[in-house]
Amino acid sequence: MKKENEFKPVPNPIEQILDENCVDNIILMDKDNKPIEFEQVALISLDDSDYYYAMLFPVTKIEGVKEDEEGETLFVLAIDTENSTYRQETNQDVIDKVIDAYEKLLQESEGNK
């Protein structure tokens, strides 16, 4: 019998992000070890990097995090598949490259319709 206060385990976020069939939201822990739920937008690979980059939007507003003019907050995670680690990408040049690559993929997919 399942107890009411039992927690189900949080899935491994790297496995979720890299699984092309996964449609579930990604759960990451904040600095206070509280879960934050994200919607994955894309997984991008850049030619000049050994990392994969996950583009994520938080499902709910995160207190203290600035939103853009559309009211969104994009998080870019750099994923090191060799070491099964990830970190938030903070280098704006890399973030811009990831966004450019994503926009190029969108344009290519629209051209194929």
N, C-alpha and C. Protein backbone atom coordinates (compact mmCIF):
# COMPACT_ATOMS: atom_id res chain seq x y z
N MET A 1 0.84 -1.18 0.00
CA MET A 1 0.00 0.00 0.00
C MET A 1 0.89 1.24 0.00
N LYS A 2 0.61 2.14 -0.90
CA LYS A 2 1.40 3.36 -1.03
C LYS A 2 1.00 4.37 0.04
N LYS A 3 1.99 4.90 0.70
CA LYS A 3 1.71 5.91 1.72
C LYS A 3 1.48 7.25 1.06
N GLU A 4 0.62 8.06 1.67
CA GLU A 4 0.23 9.34 1.11
C GLU A 4 1.40 10.32 0.97
N ASN A 5 2.38 10.24 1.86
CA ASN A 5 3.48 11.21 1.82
C ASN A 5 4.71 10.70 1.09
N GLU A 6 4.60 9.59 0.38
CA GLU A 6 5.74 9.08 -0.38
C GLU A 6 5.96 9.93 -1.62
N PHE A 7 7.21 10.21 -1.89
CA PHE A 7 7.56 10.95 -3.09
C PHE A 7 8.00 9.98 -4.17
N LYS A 8 7.63 10.26 -5.40
CA LYS A 8 8.16 9.43 -6.46
C LYS A 8 9.51 10.00 -6.88
N PRO A 9 10.42 9.16 -7.30
CA PRO A 9 11.76 9.65 -7.63
C PRO A 9 11.74 10.60 -8.82
N VAL A 10 12.61 11.59 -8.77
CA VAL A 10 12.72 12.55 -9.87
C VAL A 10 13.56 11.89 -10.97
N PRO A 11 13.07 11.89 -12.21
CA PRO A 11 13.83 11.28 -13.30
C PRO A 11 15.16 12.01 -13.51
N ASN A 12 16.12 11.28 -14.05
CA ASN A 12 17.41 11.87 -14.36
C ASN A 12 17.22 12.90 -15.48
N PRO A 13 17.50 14.18 -15.21
CA PRO A 13 17.23 15.21 -16.22
C PRO A 13 18.07 15.05 -17.49
N ILE A 14 19.29 14.58 -17.37
CA ILE A 14 20.13 14.40 -18.57
C ILE A 14 19.53 13.33 -19.46
N GLU A 15 19.12 12.21 -18.86
CA GLU A 15 18.50 11.15 -19.66
C GLU A 15 17.23 11.65 -20.34
N GLN A 16 16.44 12.42 -19.61
CA GLN A 16 15.21 12.98 -20.19
C GLN A 16 15.52 13.90 -21.36
N ILE A 17 16.46 14.79 -21.17
CA ILE A 17 16.80 15.78 -22.19
C ILE A 17 17.32 15.10 -23.45
N LEU A 18 18.15 14.08 -23.28
CA LEU A 18 18.76 13.42 -24.43
C LEU A 18 17.84 12.40 -25.10
N ASP A 19 16.75 12.03 -24.46
CA ASP A 19 15.79 11.07 -25.01
C ASP A 19 14.86 11.78 -25.98
N GLU A 20 15.04 11.54 -27.25
CA GLU A 20 14.24 12.25 -28.26
C GLU A 20 12.76 11.89 -28.21
N ASN A 21 12.41 10.81 -27.52
CA ASN A 21 11.01 10.42 -27.39
C ASN A 21 10.36 10.95 -26.11
N CYS A 22 11.14 11.56 -25.24
CA CYS A 22 10.61 12.06 -23.97
C CYS A 22 9.84 13.37 -24.20
N VAL A 23 8.60 13.36 -23.75
CA VAL A 23 7.78 14.57 -23.86
C VAL A 23 7.45 15.15 -22.49
N ASP A 24 7.98 14.52 -21.44
CA ASP A 24 7.74 15.00 -20.09
C ASP A 24 8.52 16.27 -19.82
N ASN A 25 8.02 17.07 -18.89
CA ASN A 25 8.77 18.23 -18.45
C ASN A 25 9.99 17.78 -17.65
N ILE A 26 11.00 18.63 -17.63
CA ILE A 26 12.26 18.34 -16.97
C ILE A 26 12.21 18.96 -15.56
N ILE A 27 12.63 18.20 -14.57
CA ILE A 27 12.68 18.70 -13.20
C ILE A 27 14.15 18.91 -12.82
N LEU A 28 14.47 20.15 -12.45
CA LEU A 28 15.81 20.48 -11.95
C LEU A 28 15.66 21.04 -10.55
N MET A 29 16.70 20.90 -9.77
CA MET A 29 16.67 21.40 -8.39
C MET A 29 17.37 22.76 -8.34
N ASP A 30 16.78 23.71 -7.60
CA ASP A 30 17.41 25.02 -7.46
C ASP A 30 18.46 24.96 -6.35
N LYS A 31 19.07 26.11 -6.07
CA LYS A 31 20.15 26.15 -5.08
C LYS A 31 19.67 25.79 -3.68
N ASP A 32 18.36 25.90 -3.43
CA ASP A 32 17.79 25.53 -2.14
C ASP A 32 17.23 24.12 -2.14
N ASN A 33 17.57 23.37 -3.21
CA ASN A 33 17.13 21.99 -3.38
C ASN A 33 15.62 21.84 -3.54
N LYS A 34 15.00 22.87 -4.13
CA LYS A 34 13.57 22.82 -4.44
C LYS A 34 13.42 22.52 -5.93
N PRO A 35 12.46 21.67 -6.29
CA PRO A 35 12.30 21.32 -7.70
C PRO A 35 11.69 22.47 -8.52
N ILE A 36 12.22 22.63 -9.72
CA ILE A 36 11.67 23.58 -10.68
C ILE A 36 11.39 22.79 -11.96
N GLU A 37 10.20 22.98 -12.49
CA GLU A 37 9.77 22.24 -13.67
C GLU A 37 9.99 23.09 -14.92
N PHE A 38 10.58 22.47 -15.95
CA PHE A 38 10.88 23.15 -17.20
C PHE A 38 10.28 22.41 -18.38
N GLU A 39 9.93 23.17 -19.40
CA GLU A 39 9.52 22.62 -20.68
C GLU A 39 10.74 22.66 -21.58
N GLN A 40 11.08 21.53 -22.19
CA GLN A 40 12.22 21.51 -23.10
C GLN A 40 11.77 21.99 -24.48
N VAL A 41 12.51 22.96 -25.01
CA VAL A 41 12.20 23.52 -26.32
C VAL A 41 13.01 22.81 -27.39
N ALA A 42 14.30 22.65 -27.15
CA ALA A 42 15.18 22.05 -28.16
C ALA A 42 16.46 21.55 -27.52
N LEU A 43 17.12 20.67 -28.25
CA LEU A 43 18.46 20.21 -27.90
C LEU A 43 19.34 20.55 -29.08
N ILE A 44 20.36 21.36 -28.84
CA ILE A 44 21.19 21.90 -29.91
C ILE A 44 22.63 21.41 -29.75
N SER A 45 23.23 21.08 -30.87
CA SER A 45 24.65 20.73 -30.90
C SER A 45 25.35 21.79 -31.75
N LEU A 46 26.42 22.36 -31.23
CA LEU A 46 27.20 23.35 -31.97
C LEU A 46 28.48 22.70 -32.48
N ASP A 47 28.87 23.05 -33.70
CA ASP A 47 30.07 22.46 -34.31
C ASP A 47 31.33 22.70 -33.50
N ASP A 48 31.43 23.85 -32.85
CA ASP A 48 32.66 24.21 -32.14
C ASP A 48 32.61 23.91 -30.64
N SER A 49 31.77 22.94 -30.24
CA SER A 49 31.62 22.65 -28.81
C SER A 49 31.46 21.15 -28.60
N ASP A 50 31.95 20.66 -27.47
CA ASP A 50 31.77 19.26 -27.08
C ASP A 50 30.49 19.05 -26.30
N TYR A 51 29.76 20.12 -26.02
CA TYR A 51 28.54 20.05 -25.23
C TYR A 51 27.31 19.99 -26.14
N TYR A 52 26.23 19.46 -25.56
CA TYR A 52 24.90 19.65 -26.13
C TYR A 52 24.28 20.77 -25.30
N TYR A 53 23.38 21.52 -25.92
CA TYR A 53 22.74 22.63 -25.22
C TYR A 53 21.22 22.43 -25.25
N ALA A 54 20.65 22.37 -24.06
CA ALA A 54 19.20 22.22 -23.92
C ALA A 54 18.60 23.60 -23.69
N MET A 55 17.60 23.93 -24.48
CA MET A 55 16.86 25.18 -24.31
C MET A 55 15.60 24.85 -23.51
N LEU A 56 15.46 25.51 -22.36
CA LEU A 56 14.37 25.21 -21.44
C LEU A 56 13.64 26.48 -21.03
N PHE A 57 12.32 26.37 -20.88
CA PHE A 57 11.51 27.45 -20.31
C PHE A 57 10.90 26.94 -19.02
N PRO A 58 10.97 27.71 -17.93
CA PRO A 58 10.31 27.28 -16.70
C PRO A 58 8.79 27.27 -16.89
N VAL A 59 8.14 26.28 -16.29
CA VAL A 59 6.69 26.15 -16.41
C VAL A 59 6.00 27.26 -15.62
N THR A 60 6.57 27.60 -14.48
CA THR A 60 6.03 28.70 -13.68
C THR A 60 7.12 29.74 -13.47
N LYS A 61 6.70 30.95 -13.17
CA LYS A 61 7.65 32.03 -12.95
C LYS A 61 8.58 31.71 -11.78
N ILE A 62 9.86 32.02 -11.96
CA ILE A 62 10.84 31.79 -10.91
C ILE A 62 11.15 33.13 -10.25
N GLU A 63 10.92 33.18 -8.96
CA GLU A 63 11.13 34.42 -8.21
C GLU A 63 12.58 34.87 -8.33
N GLY A 64 12.76 36.16 -8.65
CA GLY A 64 14.10 36.74 -8.72
C GLY A 64 14.79 36.57 -10.07
N VAL A 65 14.12 35.91 -11.02
CA VAL A 65 14.70 35.71 -12.36
C VAL A 65 14.00 36.63 -13.33
N LYS A 66 14.80 37.42 -14.05
CA LYS A 66 14.28 38.41 -14.99
C LYS A 66 13.72 37.76 -16.25
N GLU A 67 12.57 38.25 -16.68
CA GLU A 67 11.95 37.77 -17.91
C GLU A 67 12.29 38.71 -19.05
N ASP A 68 12.20 38.19 -20.29
CA ASP A 68 12.42 39.04 -21.45
C ASP A 68 11.16 39.83 -21.76
N GLU A 69 11.18 40.59 -22.85
CA GLU A 69 10.04 41.45 -23.19
C GLU A 69 8.77 40.67 -23.52
N GLU A 70 8.88 39.39 -23.88
CA GLU A 70 7.70 38.57 -24.13
C GLU A 70 7.21 37.87 -22.86
N GLY A 71 7.87 38.13 -21.74
CA GLY A 71 7.48 37.51 -20.49
C GLY A 71 8.00 36.10 -20.33
N GLU A 72 9.06 35.77 -21.06
CA GLU A 72 9.63 34.42 -20.99
C GLU A 72 11.03 34.47 -20.40
N THR A 73 11.45 33.34 -19.89
CA THR A 73 12.79 33.20 -19.35
C THR A 73 13.41 31.96 -19.97
N LEU A 74 14.41 32.15 -20.81
CA LEU A 74 15.09 31.02 -21.44
C LEU A 74 16.28 30.61 -20.60
N PHE A 75 16.34 29.31 -20.31
CA PHE A 75 17.51 28.75 -19.66
C PHE A 75 18.21 27.86 -20.68
N VAL A 76 19.52 27.98 -20.75
CA VAL A 76 20.30 27.12 -21.63
C VAL A 76 21.23 26.30 -20.74
N LEU A 77 21.09 24.98 -20.84
CA LEU A 77 21.96 24.08 -20.08
C LEU A 77 23.02 23.51 -21.01
N ALA A 78 24.27 23.53 -20.56
CA ALA A 78 25.36 22.87 -21.27
C ALA A 78 25.46 21.47 -20.68
N ILE A 79 25.34 20.46 -21.55
CA ILE A 79 25.33 19.08 -21.10
C ILE A 79 26.59 18.38 -21.57
N ASP A 80 27.33 17.85 -20.62
CA ASP A 80 28.54 17.07 -20.89
C ASP A 80 28.13 15.60 -20.80
N THR A 81 27.93 14.97 -21.95
CA THR A 81 27.45 13.59 -21.96
C THR A 81 28.52 12.60 -21.50
N GLU A 82 29.78 12.93 -21.70
CA GLU A 82 30.86 12.05 -21.26
C GLU A 82 30.87 11.87 -19.75
N ASN A 83 30.65 12.96 -19.03
CA ASN A 83 30.69 12.93 -17.56
C ASN A 83 29.30 12.94 -16.92
N SER A 84 28.26 12.91 -17.74
CA SER A 84 26.87 12.95 -17.26
C SER A 84 26.63 14.11 -16.30
N THR A 85 27.08 15.30 -16.71
CA THR A 85 26.88 16.50 -15.90
C THR A 85 26.25 17.59 -16.76
N TYR A 86 25.71 18.57 -16.08
CA TYR A 86 25.17 19.73 -16.77
C TYR A 86 25.39 20.96 -15.90
N ARG A 87 25.34 22.11 -16.57
CA ARG A 87 25.45 23.39 -15.87
C ARG A 87 24.68 24.42 -16.67
N GLN A 88 24.26 25.46 -15.98
CA GLN A 88 23.58 26.54 -16.69
C GLN A 88 24.62 27.32 -17.47
N GLU A 89 24.37 27.51 -18.76
CA GLU A 89 25.27 28.29 -19.60
C GLU A 89 25.04 29.77 -19.32
N THR A 90 26.11 30.48 -19.03
CA THR A 90 25.99 31.91 -18.73
C THR A 90 26.75 32.78 -19.73
N ASN A 91 27.53 32.16 -20.61
CA ASN A 91 28.27 32.91 -21.61
C ASN A 91 27.29 33.37 -22.70
N GLN A 92 27.05 34.68 -22.79
CA GLN A 92 26.04 35.20 -23.71
C GLN A 92 26.38 34.89 -25.17
N ASP A 93 27.66 34.85 -25.52
CA ASP A 93 28.05 34.49 -26.90
C ASP A 93 27.59 33.07 -27.24
N VAL A 94 27.78 32.15 -26.31
CA VAL A 94 27.35 30.76 -26.53
C VAL A 94 25.82 30.70 -26.60
N ILE A 95 25.14 31.39 -25.70
CA ILE A 95 23.67 31.41 -25.71
C ILE A 95 23.16 31.95 -27.04
N ASP A 96 23.78 33.01 -27.54
CA ASP A 96 23.37 33.57 -28.83
C ASP A 96 23.58 32.56 -29.97
N LYS A 97 24.68 31.81 -29.93
CA LYS A 97 24.93 30.78 -30.95
C LYS A 97 23.87 29.69 -30.88
N VAL A 98 23.48 29.30 -29.67
CA VAL A 98 22.45 28.28 -29.49
C VAL A 98 21.12 28.78 -30.06
N ILE A 99 20.77 30.01 -29.75
CA ILE A 99 19.51 30.58 -30.26
C ILE A 99 19.56 30.69 -31.79
N ASP A 100 20.68 31.13 -32.33
CA ASP A 100 20.82 31.22 -33.80
C ASP A 100 20.66 29.85 -34.45
N ALA A 101 21.29 28.82 -33.85
CA ALA A 101 21.19 27.45 -34.39
C ALA A 101 19.74 26.96 -34.34
N TYR A 102 19.04 27.28 -33.25
CA TYR A 102 17.65 26.90 -33.11
C TYR A 102 16.78 27.58 -34.17
N GLU A 103 16.99 28.88 -34.35
CA GLU A 103 16.22 29.62 -35.36
C GLU A 103 16.49 29.09 -36.76
N LYS A 104 17.72 28.69 -37.04
CA LYS A 104 18.07 28.11 -38.34
C LYS A 104 17.33 26.78 -38.54
N LEU A 105 17.29 25.96 -37.49
CA LEU A 105 16.55 24.70 -37.57
C LEU A 105 15.06 24.94 -37.82
N LEU A 106 14.50 25.96 -37.17
CA LEU A 106 13.09 26.29 -37.40
C LEU A 106 12.84 26.70 -38.85
N GLN A 107 13.72 27.54 -39.37
CA GLN A 107 13.58 27.99 -40.77
C GLN A 107 13.69 26.81 -41.73
N GLU A 108 14.62 25.91 -41.46
CA GLU A 108 14.78 24.74 -42.33
C GLU A 108 13.56 23.84 -42.28
N SER A 109 12.99 23.65 -41.06
CA SER A 109 11.82 22.79 -40.95
C SER A 109 10.59 23.43 -41.60
N GLU A 110 10.49 24.75 -41.55
CA GLU A 110 9.38 25.44 -42.22
C GLU A 110 9.53 25.36 -43.73
N GLY A 111 10.76 25.34 -44.21
CA GLY A 111 11.02 25.23 -45.64
C GLY A 111 10.68 23.85 -46.18
N ASN A 112 10.66 22.85 -45.32
CA ASN A 112 10.37 21.47 -45.73
C ASN A 112 8.90 21.12 -45.65
N LYS A 113 8.06 22.08 -45.31
CA LYS A 113 6.62 21.80 -45.19
C LYS A 113 5.93 21.93 -46.51
